[in-house]
Protein backbone atom coordinates (compact mmCIF):
# COMPACT_ATOMS: atom_id res chain seq x y z
CA MET A 1 12.44 -11.98 1.00
CA LYS A 2 8.77 -11.73 0.01
CA ILE A 3 7.20 -8.30 -0.04
CA LEU A 4 3.30 -8.14 -0.46
CA ILE A 5 1.84 -5.05 -1.89
CA VAL A 6 -1.77 -4.72 -1.31
CA ASN A 7 -3.89 -1.93 -2.86
CA GLY A 8 -7.49 -1.16 -1.95
CA PRO A 9 -10.60 0.14 -3.74
CA ASN A 10 -10.37 1.84 -7.15
CA LEU A 11 -6.59 1.52 -7.26
CA ASN A 12 -7.15 -0.92 -10.05
CA LEU A 13 -7.69 2.16 -12.10
CA LEU A 14 -4.19 3.64 -11.45
CA GLY A 15 -2.99 5.48 -14.45
CA LYS A 16 -6.54 6.17 -15.70
CA ARG A 17 -8.33 7.47 -12.52
CA GLU A 18 -7.90 11.11 -11.89
CA PRO A 19 -4.48 11.39 -13.35
CA GLU A 20 -4.06 15.02 -11.92
CA ILE A 21 -4.17 13.37 -8.50
CA TYR A 22 -2.90 9.92 -8.96
CA GLY A 23 -0.57 10.24 -11.95
CA LYS A 24 -0.57 8.53 -15.38
CA VAL A 25 1.58 5.49 -14.27
CA SER A 26 -0.20 2.06 -14.13
CA MET A 27 0.31 -0.27 -11.34
CA GLU A 28 1.73 -2.82 -13.73
CA SER A 29 4.60 -0.37 -14.68
CA VAL A 30 5.23 0.34 -11.00
CA LEU A 31 5.61 -3.44 -10.18
CA GLN A 32 7.73 -3.92 -13.25
CA SER A 33 10.14 -1.12 -12.02
CA LEU A 34 10.18 -2.58 -8.48
CA ARG A 35 10.99 -6.08 -9.68
CA GLU A 36 13.84 -4.69 -11.86
CA GLU A 37 15.22 -2.45 -9.17
CA PHE A 38 14.96 -5.04 -6.40
CA PRO A 39 15.70 -8.40 -8.04
CA PRO A 40 16.55 -10.47 -4.97
CA ALA A 41 13.16 -9.58 -3.60
CA GLU A 42 9.97 -11.49 -4.52
CA ILE A 43 7.26 -8.78 -4.92
CA ASP A 44 3.78 -10.10 -4.77
CA PHE A 45 0.86 -7.87 -5.59
CA TYR A 46 -2.91 -7.98 -4.60
CA GLN A 47 -5.65 -5.49 -5.29
CA SER A 48 -9.20 -5.72 -4.30
CA ASN A 49 -12.22 -3.32 -4.12
CA SER A 50 -13.60 -5.54 -1.25
CA GLU A 51 -12.71 -5.00 2.38
CA GLY A 52 -13.16 -8.66 3.27
CA ALA A 53 -10.95 -9.98 0.47
CA ILE A 54 -8.14 -7.69 1.56
CA ILE A 55 -8.46 -8.92 5.13
CA ASP A 56 -8.57 -12.65 3.73
CA ARG A 57 -5.29 -11.94 1.77
CA LEU A 58 -3.53 -10.24 4.74
CA GLN A 59 -4.41 -13.13 7.05
CA GLN A 60 -2.56 -15.57 4.84
CA GLU A 61 0.67 -14.12 6.25
CA ASP A 62 2.83 -15.64 3.67
CA PHE A 63 5.10 -12.55 3.32
CA ASP A 64 8.01 -11.11 5.09
CA ALA A 65 6.90 -7.45 4.77
CA LEU A 66 3.89 -5.58 3.64
CA ILE A 67 3.29 -2.34 1.61
CA ILE A 68 -0.41 -1.38 1.83
CA ASN A 69 -2.33 1.35 0.19
CA PRO A 70 -5.79 0.85 1.69
CA GLY A 71 -7.29 3.58 -0.57
CA ALA A 72 -10.67 4.79 0.95
CA PHE A 73 -10.56 2.02 3.56
CA THR A 74 -7.64 3.99 5.18
CA HIS A 75 -10.20 6.35 6.67
CA TYR A 76 -12.91 4.11 8.11
CA SER A 77 -11.90 0.43 8.07
CA TYR A 78 -11.48 -0.58 11.54
CA ALA A 79 -11.60 -4.21 10.30
CA ILE A 80 -8.49 -3.71 8.27
CA ALA A 81 -6.78 -1.77 11.12
CA ASP A 82 -7.50 -4.72 13.42
CA CYS A 83 -6.03 -7.15 11.01
CA LEU A 84 -2.92 -4.97 10.62
CA LYS A 85 -2.59 -4.91 14.35
CA ASN A 86 -2.19 -8.62 14.37
CA ILE A 87 0.42 -8.93 11.66
CA SER A 88 4.00 -9.07 13.11
CA VAL A 89 5.95 -8.42 9.92
CA PRO A 90 7.10 -4.77 9.11
CA LYS A 91 4.46 -2.79 7.44
CA ILE A 92 4.36 0.54 5.50
CA GLU A 93 1.24 2.42 4.63
CA VAL A 94 1.56 4.21 1.13
CA HIS A 95 -0.57 6.93 -0.29
CA ILE A 96 -0.04 8.29 -3.86
CA SER A 97 -1.31 11.80 -3.00
CA ASN A 98 -0.72 13.81 0.07
CA ILE A 99 -3.81 12.96 2.14
CA TYR A 100 -3.30 16.03 4.34
CA GLN A 101 -3.70 18.27 1.39
CA ARG A 102 -7.06 16.76 0.43
CA GLU A 103 -10.63 16.75 1.81
CA GLU A 104 -11.01 16.77 5.51
CA PHE A 105 -12.17 13.06 5.69
CA ARG A 106 -9.03 11.90 3.93
CA ARG A 107 -6.77 13.45 6.51
CA LYS A 108 -7.44 10.60 9.10
CA SER A 109 -5.96 7.23 8.78
CA VAL A 110 -7.31 4.57 11.16
CA THR A 111 -4.91 1.99 9.68
CA ALA A 112 -1.61 3.96 10.09
CA GLU A 113 -1.04 3.44 13.81
CA HIS A 114 -0.76 -0.29 13.04
CA CYS A 115 1.98 0.39 10.48
CA ASN A 116 5.66 1.03 11.03
CA ALA A 117 5.72 4.03 8.76
CA VAL A 118 3.45 6.08 6.34
CA LEU A 119 4.53 7.55 3.05
CA SER A 120 2.09 10.10 1.59
CA GLY A 121 2.47 12.41 -1.36
CA PHE A 122 5.34 10.89 -3.16
CA GLY A 123 3.25 9.72 -6.05
CA THR A 124 3.83 6.07 -7.12
CA ASN A 125 7.49 6.51 -5.97
CA GLY A 126 6.18 5.81 -2.46
CA TYR A 127 6.05 2.16 -3.38
CA LYS A 128 9.73 2.36 -4.35
CA LEU A 129 10.61 4.27 -1.13
CA ALA A 130 8.83 1.68 0.98
CA ALA A 131 10.41 -1.32 -0.65
CA ASP A 132 13.82 0.27 -0.38
CA PHE A 133 13.27 0.81 3.38
CA LEU A 134 11.82 -2.66 3.92
CA ILE A 135 14.65 -4.50 2.06
CA GLY A 136 17.33 -2.36 3.90
CA ARG A 137 15.62 -3.17 7.22
CA LEU A 138 15.38 -6.89 6.57
């Protein structure tokens, strides 16, 4: 089973960017932990600050399940939402912070309705919870 994790804009700064909101754990550490905890799964990772690049990667459809943290694209990218709508594998949207406790504009996700579930506010553990669910489901 191949799980693709896609992170959107500014998440390349995870572990450095606003640690009071996003924590101090790097994405490399998160990926290492996931690969150790779920050895039978192939966990692939992609991050981009570019909306089009994310869409191009998703359209490759070379994965069995998707974990996506669209970052700021969550709130306004109808292009990514349309792309997610056309992907038939199980999809989980993850947000490190609780988007419902943040600024008003962050409380709306245009991408969530095209995912099977949303995890918000579990810190980087959201990636683990999503992977555990997807592996159990598939």
